[in-house]
């Protein structure tokens, strides 16, 4: 190999290393802010007022950095990192690979109920192909299948639209064994007693004739190219119309809102901090979900495509665009902080619902007796871990005012969340819609659990409950949604590990640069 070729290769490698160092320097400031617990604050005092529990009056409001203790709960981020990354993440990852949890039934054809759909591009790869009859396991599928219509390929679509549809297409391939299993699963589920529950936060496609099973392992949540006005419209509708925010209050970094000059968004947070706990929690849950979704897009980004084979990996530029304190005007750390808060809420729900699954009458049925038993053992192990966490969010502090006011606020809370569930049908990318619907239903199921403590305590040991129940769909959504949050926190830790090794890389880069610039 000639010296010129070696020099060119070395320079290219050096450029890449330098770029990595720049990136790691940025991540150091963000991640260290996330994981350095400063001090533990005393529990906040109680507020008075109908429907409003306590506000974090005794805890300083962190504006631009994410420090140790989260707002509205007594828990530090470092404890969450350690608990999740070493105790929960390995088990939840393994659980998601089990047949019971890897198949999710979803209707991706439901029309948007709020506006005429303009997000779907007319590229064939954007659509979910019908599952071949030769490919589904022995237990889940309903007795009939509905095929998704193919939309003609429009060669005049923009190139980025083609990429978005290609990356956003859902792989609906299922084996014959899987399809036979779905039929058996449906038969088993139908044999169980189910009762209508009016106070439900989660909206399920389980009974929809157009719903089909999707293998989640074949359809990982990652970058699809779905962006622009269609995507903005979805999130804008969620934040502007469903997060208890008056239109007169400006939400920072809203791409659809007109410019407010020097307004850096602090007026929004002044307003948010003035809300009662329940409404602050609602906003943080949605913001945390948004942050988790964005983080997965950054971690699993299409870096390049060579000979038709895509290469996926972390995109630092995209991560910086979404979370850098400077580029986001201080929003990035807030978003990550809300991700941790959402994690705590769903973690609490898992710890509270454990008695439901500990009963001998509850089976995670797939037809494979040995695997079903192993899956339940693994799930119960996860529940035991969640119950051992010492700093849970106290859901009893919510809706703790006078009975009438609390009931009214809870109903408003439920309706807003239900509305957001319906907005997910307006997402113009099938794969994005799939994961949006799953994670929204998972969060809804978590809220249902948190507000059903009395019913869970009264569960009979050896007979079906006429009070609290969970469907297969809710169980799958709950654990997979929590798995997404667990993965998000784990990915942030991976960046931290890279930072710990960056100093040796610095010396390496300096040596290479010196050698090839002589």
Protein backbone atom coordinates (compact mmCIF):
# COMPACT_ATOMS: atom_id res chain seq x y z
CA UNK A 1 0.00 0.00 0.00
CA UNK A 2 1.41 3.40 -0.96
CA UNK A 3 2.23 6.08 1.60
CA UNK A 4 -0.40 8.35 0.01
CA UNK A 5 -3.11 5.77 0.45
CA UNK A 6 -2.07 5.12 4.05
CA UNK A 7 -1.99 8.87 4.73
CA UNK A 8 -5.46 9.35 3.25
CA UNK A 9 -6.84 6.50 5.33
CA UNK A 10 -5.24 7.82 8.46
CA UNK A 11 -6.56 11.33 7.90
CA UNK A 12 -10.04 9.95 7.34
CA UNK A 13 -9.75 7.94 10.56
CA UNK A 14 -8.45 10.97 12.40
CA UNK A 15 -11.36 13.09 11.21
CA UNK A 16 -13.78 10.48 12.45
CA UNK A 17 -11.99 10.26 15.79
CA UNK A 18 -11.96 14.03 16.18
CA UNK A 19 -15.68 14.12 15.43
CA UNK A 20 -16.22 11.47 18.08
CA UNK A 21 -14.24 13.48 20.60
CA UNK A 22 -16.32 16.57 19.89
CA UNK A 23 -19.41 14.48 20.38
CA UNK A 24 -18.19 12.90 23.58
CA UNK A 25 -17.31 16.28 24.97
CA UNK A 26 -20.90 17.37 24.44
CA UNK A 27 -22.29 14.17 25.87
CA UNK A 28 -20.10 14.48 28.94
CA UNK A 29 -21.81 17.74 29.88
CA UNK A 30 -25.29 16.34 29.30
CA UNK A 31 -24.88 12.89 30.83
CA UNK A 32 -22.87 14.01 33.84
CA UNK A 33 -25.64 16.46 34.56
CA UNK A 34 -27.99 13.50 34.50
CA UNK A 35 -26.10 11.19 36.78
CA UNK A 36 -24.45 13.34 39.45
CA UNK A 37 -26.66 13.32 42.53
CA UNK A 38 -26.00 16.46 44.50
CA UNK A 39 -28.02 16.27 47.65
CA UNK A 40 -31.23 14.69 48.84
CA UNK A 41 -33.96 17.16 49.57
CA UNK A 42 -36.60 16.68 52.24
CA UNK A 43 -40.03 15.56 51.15
CA UNK A 44 -42.09 18.45 49.76
CA UNK A 45 -44.90 19.82 51.91
CA UNK A 46 -48.52 19.23 51.07
CA UNK A 47 -50.56 21.79 49.20
CA UNK A 48 -54.21 22.42 49.81
CA UNK A 49 -56.91 22.78 47.21
CA UNK A 50 -59.40 20.64 45.34
CA UNK A 51 -57.72 18.02 43.21
CA UNK A 52 -54.20 19.39 43.76
CA UNK A 53 -51.93 17.31 45.93
CA UNK A 54 -48.45 18.58 46.75
CA UNK A 55 -46.23 20.87 44.78
CA UNK A 56 -42.48 20.61 45.15
CA UNK A 57 -42.28 23.83 47.12
CA UNK A 58 -39.22 22.73 49.07
CA UNK A 59 -37.30 21.43 46.05
CA UNK A 60 -35.40 23.90 43.84
CA UNK A 61 -36.65 23.95 40.24
CA UNK A 62 -33.78 23.02 37.95
CA UNK A 63 -34.00 25.17 34.82
CA UNK A 64 -31.20 24.27 32.46
CA UNK A 65 -29.51 21.23 34.00
CA UNK A 66 -30.74 17.84 35.19
CA UNK A 67 -29.32 17.25 38.62
CA UNK A 68 -29.71 14.55 41.25
CA UNK A 69 -33.26 14.71 42.58
CA UNK A 70 -36.28 14.69 40.27
CA UNK A 71 -39.08 17.19 40.73
CA UNK A 72 -42.36 15.97 42.21
CA UNK A 73 -40.81 12.85 43.74
CA UNK A 74 -38.00 12.03 46.12
CA UNK A 75 -35.69 10.04 43.87
CA UNK A 76 -32.23 10.70 42.45
CA UNK A 77 -31.23 9.84 38.90
CA UNK A 78 -28.07 7.97 39.85
CA UNK A 79 -30.14 5.45 41.83
CA UNK A 80 -32.46 4.94 38.86
CA UNK A 81 -29.49 4.38 36.53
CA UNK A 82 -27.94 1.73 38.76
CA UNK A 83 -31.22 -0.02 39.49
CA UNK A 84 -32.30 -0.10 35.85
CA UNK A 85 -29.04 -0.91 34.12
CA UNK A 86 -27.88 -3.70 36.40
CA UNK A 87 -31.12 -5.16 37.73
CA UNK A 88 -34.06 -4.47 35.42
CA UNK A 89 -32.71 -4.00 31.89
CA UNK A 90 -31.16 -7.49 31.39
CA UNK A 91 -34.38 -9.19 32.51
CA UNK A 92 -36.83 -6.98 30.65
CA UNK A 93 -34.80 -7.40 27.46
CA UNK A 94 -34.99 -11.17 27.83
CA UNK A 95 -38.73 -11.01 28.58
CA UNK A 96 -39.44 -9.05 25.39
CA UNK A 97 -37.97 -11.90 23.35
CA UNK A 98 -40.52 -14.42 24.67
CA UNK A 99 -43.41 -15.33 22.36
CA UNK A 100 -46.03 -13.94 24.72
CA UNK A 101 -44.49 -10.46 24.59
CA UNK A 102 -43.06 -10.27 21.09
CA UNK A 103 -46.40 -10.29 19.23
CA UNK A 104 -48.64 -7.22 19.41
CA UNK A 105 -52.06 -6.91 17.82
CA UNK A 106 -52.61 -3.50 16.24
CA UNK A 107 -54.89 -1.79 13.74
CA UNK A 108 -52.75 0.44 11.52
CA UNK A 109 -55.65 1.20 9.18
CA UNK A 110 -57.80 3.19 11.58
CA UNK A 111 -58.36 6.66 10.05
CA UNK A 112 -57.31 9.84 11.81
CA UNK A 113 -60.41 11.16 13.62
CA UNK A 114 -59.24 14.79 13.81
CA UNK A 115 -58.07 15.88 10.35
CA UNK A 116 -57.70 14.65 6.81
CA UNK A 117 -54.64 12.45 6.63
CA UNK A 118 -51.78 14.05 4.76
CA UNK A 119 -48.83 12.22 6.21
CA UNK A 120 -48.94 8.94 4.30
CA UNK A 121 -46.83 8.90 1.17
CA UNK A 122 -48.09 6.81 -1.72
CA UNK A 123 -45.10 4.49 -1.72
CA UNK A 124 -45.82 0.79 -1.46
CA UNK A 125 -43.18 0.18 1.22
CA UNK A 126 -45.00 2.53 3.59
CA UNK A 127 -47.77 0.02 4.13
CA UNK A 128 -48.03 -3.07 6.23
CA UNK A 129 -48.14 -6.04 3.92
CA UNK A 130 -50.72 -8.73 4.73
CA UNK A 131 -49.37 -11.59 6.82
CA UNK A 132 -48.99 -14.64 4.60
CA UNK A 133 -51.33 -17.37 5.78
CA UNK A 134 -48.32 -19.65 6.03
CA UNK A 135 -46.67 -17.69 8.81
CA UNK A 136 -48.31 -17.07 12.44
CA UNK A 137 -47.38 -19.24 16.32
CA UNK A 138 -50.03 -21.77 17.69
CA UNK A 139 -52.17 -19.42 19.76
CA UNK A 140 -52.89 -15.71 19.13
CA UNK A 141 -54.52 -14.92 15.84
CA UNK A 142 -58.25 -14.45 15.38
CA UNK A 143 -59.97 -16.88 13.04
CA UNK A 144 -59.78 -14.56 10.07
CA UNK A 145 -57.26 -12.14 8.66
CA UNK A 146 -57.76 -8.80 7.02
CA UNK A 147 -55.24 -7.72 4.45
CA UNK A 148 -53.88 -4.24 4.16
CA UNK A 149 -54.61 -2.56 0.87
CA UNK A 150 -51.65 -1.81 -1.35
CA UNK A 151 -51.38 1.76 -2.51
CA UNK A 152 -49.95 2.41 -5.96
CA UNK A 153 -46.40 3.61 -6.19
CA UNK A 154 -46.28 7.28 -7.09
CA UNK A 155 -42.98 7.92 -8.85
CA UNK A 156 -43.33 11.66 -8.35
CA UNK A 157 -42.88 11.46 -4.57
CA UNK A 158 -39.86 13.17 -3.10
CA UNK A 159 -36.76 11.12 -2.40
CA UNK A 160 -36.95 11.67 1.35
CA UNK A 161 -40.57 10.55 1.26
CA UNK A 162 -39.47 7.32 -0.39
CA UNK A 163 -36.87 6.75 2.31
CA UNK A 164 -39.39 7.51 5.04
CA UNK A 165 -41.85 5.01 3.67
CA UNK A 166 -39.21 2.36 3.12
CA UNK A 167 -37.87 2.71 6.64
CA UNK A 168 -41.33 3.14 8.11
CA UNK A 169 -42.81 0.00 6.57
CA UNK A 170 -43.79 -2.68 9.06
CA UNK A 171 -42.42 -6.18 8.54
CA UNK A 172 -45.53 -8.30 9.13
CA UNK A 173 -43.95 -11.64 8.30
CA UNK A 174 -45.25 -14.43 10.52
CA UNK A 175 -44.59 -18.15 10.41
CA UNK A 176 -47.26 -20.83 9.95
CA UNK A 177 -46.56 -21.95 13.49
CA UNK A 178 -47.15 -18.43 14.77
CA UNK A 179 -50.45 -18.09 12.95
CA UNK A 180 -51.70 -21.37 14.33
CA UNK A 181 -50.63 -20.23 17.80
CA UNK A 182 -52.61 -17.01 17.50
CA UNK A 183 -55.80 -18.97 16.87
CA UNK A 184 -55.12 -21.03 19.98
CA UNK A 185 -54.31 -17.91 22.02
CA UNK A 186 -57.54 -16.22 20.94
CA UNK A 187 -59.51 -19.33 21.88
CA UNK A 188 -57.86 -19.41 25.30
CA UNK A 189 -58.42 -15.69 25.93
CA UNK A 190 -62.07 -15.96 24.93
CA UNK A 191 -62.55 -18.76 27.44
CA UNK A 192 -61.57 -16.41 30.27
CA UNK A 193 -64.13 -14.22 31.99
CA UNK A 194 -63.83 -10.55 31.03
CA UNK A 195 -65.94 -7.71 32.27
CA UNK A 196 -66.39 -4.26 30.79
CA UNK A 197 -64.41 -1.58 32.57
CA UNK A 198 -65.54 2.00 32.09
CA UNK A 199 -62.62 3.75 33.76
CA UNK A 200 -59.93 2.62 31.34
CA UNK A 201 -57.00 4.74 30.25
CA UNK A 202 -55.72 2.40 27.54
CA UNK A 203 -57.37 2.18 24.13
CA UNK A 204 -56.96 -1.25 22.56
CA UNK A 205 -57.20 -2.49 18.98
CA UNK A 206 -57.59 -6.04 20.28
CA UNK A 207 -61.21 -6.45 19.14
CA UNK A 208 -60.86 -4.50 15.93
CA UNK A 209 -61.62 -6.61 12.80
CA UNK A 210 -58.79 -4.84 10.97
CA UNK A 211 -56.18 -5.55 13.65
CA UNK A 212 -53.28 -7.84 12.82
CA UNK A 213 -50.44 -9.29 14.84
CA UNK A 214 -47.00 -7.78 14.35
CA UNK A 215 -43.71 -9.33 15.44
CA UNK A 216 -42.06 -6.54 17.46
CA UNK A 217 -38.61 -8.11 17.16
CA UNK A 218 -38.80 -7.74 13.37
CA UNK A 219 -39.91 -4.12 13.70
CA UNK A 220 -37.56 -2.33 16.11
CA UNK A 221 -38.26 1.26 17.03
CA UNK A 222 -35.74 3.38 15.11
CA UNK A 223 -35.29 6.23 12.65
CA UNK A 224 -37.69 6.10 9.69
CA UNK A 225 -37.31 9.52 8.07
CA UNK A 226 -40.81 10.54 9.17
CA UNK A 227 -40.62 14.28 9.85
CA UNK A 228 -41.85 17.67 8.70
CA UNK A 229 -45.34 19.22 8.99
CA UNK A 230 -47.15 15.89 9.33
CA UNK A 231 -45.07 14.76 12.33
CA UNK A 232 -45.11 18.27 13.86
CA UNK A 233 -48.87 18.40 13.56
CA UNK A 234 -49.26 15.25 15.64
CA UNK A 235 -47.05 16.43 18.49
CA UNK A 236 -48.41 19.96 18.26
CA UNK A 237 -51.94 18.64 18.73
CA UNK A 238 -50.81 16.59 21.72
CA UNK A 239 -49.01 19.43 23.49
CA UNK A 240 -51.21 22.37 22.53
CA UNK A 241 -54.63 20.77 22.94
CA UNK A 242 -54.22 17.97 25.46
CA UNK A 243 -51.68 19.04 28.09
CA UNK A 244 -53.90 21.50 29.98
CA UNK A 245 -52.07 24.44 28.40
CA UNK A 246 -53.89 27.68 27.54
CA UNK A 247 -53.15 28.93 24.02
CA UNK A 248 -51.84 32.21 25.44
CA UNK A 249 -48.88 30.39 26.98
CA UNK A 250 -46.01 29.81 24.56
CA UNK A 251 -44.47 26.34 24.49
CA UNK A 252 -40.72 26.50 23.67
CA UNK A 253 -39.44 24.99 20.44
CA UNK A 254 -42.85 24.47 18.93
CA UNK A 255 -42.09 24.49 15.16
CA UNK A 256 -45.70 25.33 14.30
CA UNK A 257 -45.97 28.33 16.59
CA UNK A 258 -45.03 31.85 15.45
CA UNK A 259 -41.80 33.31 16.75
CA UNK A 260 -42.00 35.11 20.08
CA UNK A 261 -38.86 37.19 19.75
CA UNK A 262 -36.69 36.86 22.83
CA UNK A 263 -39.07 34.50 24.60
CA UNK A 264 -36.91 31.56 25.73
CA UNK A 265 -39.85 29.55 26.99
CA UNK A 266 -39.40 30.40 30.65
CA UNK A 267 -42.92 31.86 30.78
CA UNK A 268 -44.15 28.37 29.91
CA UNK A 269 -42.34 26.83 32.86
CA UNK A 270 -43.53 29.56 35.19
CA UNK A 271 -47.03 28.57 34.17
CA UNK A 272 -46.29 24.83 34.43
CA UNK A 273 -44.85 25.14 37.93
CA UNK A 274 -48.00 26.93 39.01
CA UNK A 275 -50.18 23.95 38.14
CA UNK A 276 -51.28 21.34 40.63
CA UNK A 277 -49.37 18.07 40.78
CA UNK A 278 -51.77 16.09 38.58
CA UNK A 279 -51.47 18.43 35.58
CA UNK A 280 -47.71 18.75 35.97
CA UNK A 281 -47.47 14.96 36.02
CA UNK A 282 -49.56 14.69 32.86
CA UNK A 283 -47.25 17.04 30.95
CA UNK A 284 -44.12 15.26 32.21
CA UNK A 285 -45.48 11.88 31.16
CA UNK A 286 -46.08 13.04 27.60
CA UNK A 287 -42.76 14.89 27.43
CA UNK A 288 -40.95 11.84 28.82
CA UNK A 289 -42.58 9.58 26.23
CA UNK A 290 -41.58 12.01 23.48
CA UNK A 291 -37.99 12.08 24.79
CA UNK A 292 -37.78 8.29 24.90
CA UNK A 293 -39.03 7.99 21.33
CA UNK A 294 -36.54 10.61 20.15
CA UNK A 295 -33.70 8.87 21.96
CA UNK A 296 -34.43 5.57 20.21
CA UNK A 297 -34.41 7.34 16.85
CA UNK A 298 -30.97 8.77 17.66
CA UNK A 299 -29.56 5.46 18.86
CA UNK A 300 -30.86 3.44 15.89
CA UNK A 301 -30.26 5.84 13.03
CA UNK A 302 -29.65 4.97 9.39
CA UNK A 303 -25.98 5.92 9.06
CA UNK A 304 -25.47 4.66 5.54
CA UNK A 305 -26.83 2.14 3.05
CA UNK A 306 -24.34 0.17 0.95
CA UNK A 307 -25.40 -2.34 -1.68
CA UNK A 308 -28.91 -2.32 -0.28
CA UNK A 309 -27.73 -3.19 3.24
CA UNK A 310 -28.48 -0.48 5.81
CA UNK A 311 -26.04 0.31 8.60
CA UNK A 312 -27.69 1.40 11.85
CA UNK A 313 -26.09 3.09 14.80
CA UNK A 314 -26.02 6.17 17.04
CA UNK A 315 -26.25 9.54 15.29
CA UNK A 316 -24.54 12.12 17.47
CA UNK A 317 -25.60 15.08 15.37
CA UNK A 318 -29.23 14.08 15.71
CA UNK A 319 -28.83 13.48 19.42
CA UNK A 320 -27.33 16.93 19.83
CA UNK A 321 -30.12 18.52 17.80
CA UNK A 322 -32.73 17.01 20.10
CA UNK A 323 -31.01 17.17 23.50
CA UNK A 324 -28.09 19.62 23.48
CA UNK A 325 -28.76 22.38 26.08
CA UNK A 326 -27.58 25.11 23.69
CA UNK A 327 -29.32 23.94 20.52
CA UNK A 328 -32.55 23.26 22.41
CA UNK A 329 -32.34 26.44 24.53
CA UNK A 330 -32.20 24.40 27.71
CA UNK A 331 -34.97 22.01 26.68
CA UNK A 332 -32.78 18.91 26.22
CA UNK A 333 -32.01 18.29 29.90
CA UNK A 334 -35.65 18.94 30.80
CA UNK A 335 -36.77 16.31 28.30
CA UNK A 336 -34.35 13.71 29.65
CA UNK A 337 -35.47 14.51 33.17
CA UNK A 338 -39.07 13.83 32.18
CA UNK A 339 -37.95 10.52 30.68
CA UNK A 340 -36.73 9.48 34.11
CA UNK A 341 -39.97 10.66 35.67
CA UNK A 342 -42.02 8.54 33.24
CA UNK A 343 -39.81 5.56 34.05
CA UNK A 344 -40.64 5.99 37.73
CA UNK A 345 -44.37 6.09 37.03
CA UNK A 346 -44.35 2.86 35.02
CA UNK A 347 -41.95 1.23 37.49
CA UNK A 348 -44.42 2.02 40.26
CA UNK A 349 -47.25 0.49 38.24
CA UNK A 350 -45.33 -2.77 37.80
CA UNK A 351 -44.71 -2.99 41.54
CA UNK A 352 -48.39 -2.38 42.27
CA UNK A 353 -49.74 -4.93 39.77
CA UNK A 354 -47.54 -7.80 40.96
CA UNK A 355 -50.32 -9.40 43.08
CA UNK A 356 -52.45 -9.76 39.94
CA UNK A 357 -49.82 -11.99 38.28
CA UNK A 358 -48.75 -13.81 41.45
CA UNK A 359 -52.08 -15.64 41.49
CA UNK A 360 -51.98 -19.24 40.25
CA UNK A 361 -55.00 -18.61 38.02
CA UNK A 362 -53.05 -16.18 35.81
CA UNK A 363 -51.19 -17.81 32.91
CA UNK A 364 -49.11 -16.20 30.18
CA UNK A 365 -50.54 -18.64 27.69
CA UNK A 366 -48.95 -19.43 24.32
CA UNK A 367 -49.55 -23.17 24.18
CA UNK A 368 -45.96 -24.04 25.07
CA UNK A 369 -46.37 -25.17 28.68
CA UNK A 370 -42.67 -25.16 29.56
CA UNK A 371 -41.94 -21.77 28.01
CA UNK A 372 -45.11 -20.28 29.51
CA UNK A 373 -43.97 -21.34 32.99
CA UNK A 374 -40.47 -19.92 32.41
CA UNK A 375 -41.95 -16.66 31.11
CA UNK A 376 -44.13 -16.22 34.18
CA UNK A 377 -41.18 -17.01 36.47
CA UNK A 378 -39.12 -14.34 34.72
CA UNK A 379 -41.97 -11.82 34.92
CA UNK A 380 -42.47 -12.46 38.65
CA UNK A 381 -38.75 -11.99 39.16
CA UNK A 382 -39.00 -8.57 37.51
CA UNK A 383 -41.95 -7.69 39.74
CA UNK A 384 -39.94 -8.65 42.82
CA UNK A 385 -37.16 -6.34 41.68
CA UNK A 386 -39.57 -3.47 41.12
CA UNK A 387 -40.98 -3.89 44.63
CA UNK A 388 -37.46 -3.68 46.07
CA UNK A 389 -36.85 -0.20 44.63
CA UNK A 390 -36.73 2.13 47.67
CA UNK A 391 -37.78 5.47 46.12
CA UNK A 392 -41.07 4.91 44.32
CA UNK A 393 -43.34 7.72 43.17
CA UNK A 394 -46.28 8.09 45.58
CA UNK A 395 -49.39 7.98 43.43
CA UNK A 396 -51.56 8.51 46.52
CA UNK A 397 -50.54 12.14 46.43
CA UNK A 398 -52.57 12.50 43.23
CA UNK A 399 -56.30 13.26 43.22
CA UNK A 400 -56.11 13.69 46.97
CA UNK A 401 -58.25 16.81 47.34
CA UNK A 402 -61.95 16.92 48.12
CA UNK A 403 -63.84 13.98 46.64
CA UNK A 404 -65.87 15.92 44.09
CA UNK A 405 -62.94 17.99 42.81
CA UNK A 406 -60.62 14.98 42.68
CA UNK A 407 -63.16 12.93 40.74
CA UNK A 408 -63.67 15.71 38.21
CA UNK A 409 -59.94 16.20 37.74
CA UNK A 410 -59.36 12.47 37.34
CA UNK A 411 -62.01 12.28 34.63
CA UNK A 412 -60.43 15.25 32.84
CA UNK A 413 -57.05 13.55 33.13
CA UNK A 414 -58.48 10.33 31.65
CA UNK A 415 -60.21 12.04 28.74
CA UNK A 416 -57.09 13.99 27.78
CA UNK A 417 -55.08 10.79 27.74
CA UNK A 418 -57.73 8.96 25.73
CA UNK A 419 -57.65 11.79 23.21
CA UNK A 420 -53.88 11.38 22.82
CA UNK A 421 -54.41 7.67 22.21
CA UNK A 422 -56.69 8.56 19.29
CA UNK A 423 -54.16 11.08 17.94
CA UNK A 424 -51.77 8.17 17.42
CA UNK A 425 -54.03 7.12 14.54
CA UNK A 426 -52.95 10.32 12.80
CA UNK A 427 -49.27 9.34 12.64
CA UNK A 428 -48.34 9.05 8.97
CA UNK A 429 -45.69 6.33 9.28
CA UNK A 430 -46.76 2.77 9.97
CA UNK A 431 -43.79 1.81 12.11
CA UNK A 432 -44.00 5.08 14.06
CA UNK A 433 -47.72 4.53 14.52
CA UNK A 434 -47.11 0.96 15.71
CA UNK A 435 -44.72 2.03 18.47
CA UNK A 436 -46.69 5.16 19.30
CA UNK A 437 -49.87 3.14 19.83
CA UNK A 438 -48.07 0.45 21.83
CA UNK A 439 -46.31 2.88 24.17
CA UNK A 440 -49.42 4.99 24.63
CA UNK A 441 -51.43 1.90 25.54
CA UNK A 442 -48.64 0.77 27.84
CA UNK A 443 -48.68 4.09 29.69
CA UNK A 444 -52.48 4.00 29.80
CA UNK A 445 -52.34 0.53 31.34
CA UNK A 446 -49.84 1.78 33.94
CA UNK A 447 -52.21 4.61 34.90
CA UNK A 448 -55.11 2.17 35.08
CA UNK A 449 -53.07 0.09 37.54
CA UNK A 450 -52.07 3.03 39.71
CA UNK A 451 -55.67 4.14 40.08
CA UNK A 452 -56.97 0.62 40.83
CA UNK A 453 -55.13 -0.17 44.05
CA UNK A 454 -58.24 -1.08 46.04
CA UNK A 455 -59.49 -3.39 43.28
CA UNK A 456 -56.09 -5.11 43.04
CA UNK A 457 -56.05 -5.69 46.80
CA UNK A 458 -59.43 -7.45 46.58
CA UNK A 459 -58.43 -9.89 43.82
CA UNK A 460 -59.57 -13.49 44.45
CA UNK A 461 -56.77 -16.04 44.41
CA UNK A 462 -58.41 -18.85 42.46
CA UNK A 463 -61.15 -17.24 40.38
CA UNK A 464 -61.41 -14.47 37.79
CA UNK A 465 -61.90 -10.95 39.04
CA UNK A 466 -65.06 -9.02 38.29
CA UNK A 467 -63.26 -5.82 39.21
CA UNK A 468 -59.69 -5.32 38.02
CA UNK A 469 -58.55 -7.19 34.91
CA UNK A 470 -55.86 -6.93 32.27
CA UNK A 471 -56.20 -8.24 28.73
CA UNK A 472 -53.37 -9.92 26.87
CA UNK A 473 -52.99 -6.76 24.80
CA UNK A 474 -52.63 -4.53 27.85
CA UNK A 475 -50.06 -6.86 29.39
CA UNK A 476 -47.97 -6.95 26.21
CA UNK A 477 -48.17 -3.17 25.83
CA UNK A 478 -47.33 -2.51 29.49
CA UNK A 479 -44.16 -4.59 29.55
CA UNK A 480 -42.94 -3.53 26.12
CA UNK A 481 -43.56 0.15 26.88
CA UNK A 482 -41.58 -0.16 30.09
CA UNK A 483 -38.93 -2.05 28.14
CA UNK A 484 -38.58 0.96 25.82
CA UNK A 485 -37.99 3.27 28.80
CA UNK A 486 -35.53 0.85 30.35
CA UNK A 487 -33.64 0.72 27.06
CA UNK A 488 -33.60 4.52 26.82
CA UNK A 489 -31.96 4.86 30.22
CA UNK A 490 -29.52 2.09 29.36
CA UNK A 491 -28.54 3.88 26.14
CA UNK A 492 -27.76 7.05 28.08
CA UNK A 493 -25.50 4.96 30.28
CA UNK A 494 -23.73 3.63 27.17
CA UNK A 495 -22.81 7.19 26.25
CA UNK A 496 -21.40 7.67 29.74
CA UNK A 497 -19.20 4.56 29.32
CA UNK A 498 -17.84 5.98 26.05
CA UNK A 499 -16.92 9.17 27.85
CA UNK A 500 -14.89 7.29 30.44
CA UNK A 501 -12.65 5.97 27.66
CA UNK A 502 -12.36 9.19 25.69
CA UNK A 503 -9.08 10.38 27.27
CA UNK A 504 -7.06 7.49 25.82
CA UNK A 505 -8.64 8.17 22.41
CA UNK A 506 -7.50 11.79 22.66
CA UNK A 507 -3.83 10.78 22.96
CA UNK A 508 -4.25 8.31 20.10
CA UNK A 509 -5.69 10.98 17.81
CA UNK A 510 -2.93 13.45 18.65
CA UNK A 511 -0.28 10.87 17.78
CA UNK A 512 -1.89 10.05 14.43
CA UNK A 513 -2.26 13.70 13.49
CA UNK A 514 1.36 14.42 14.38
CA UNK A 515 2.64 11.45 12.35
CA UNK A 516 0.79 12.25 9.14
CA UNK A 517 1.27 15.99 9.12
CA UNK A 518 5.06 15.84 9.10
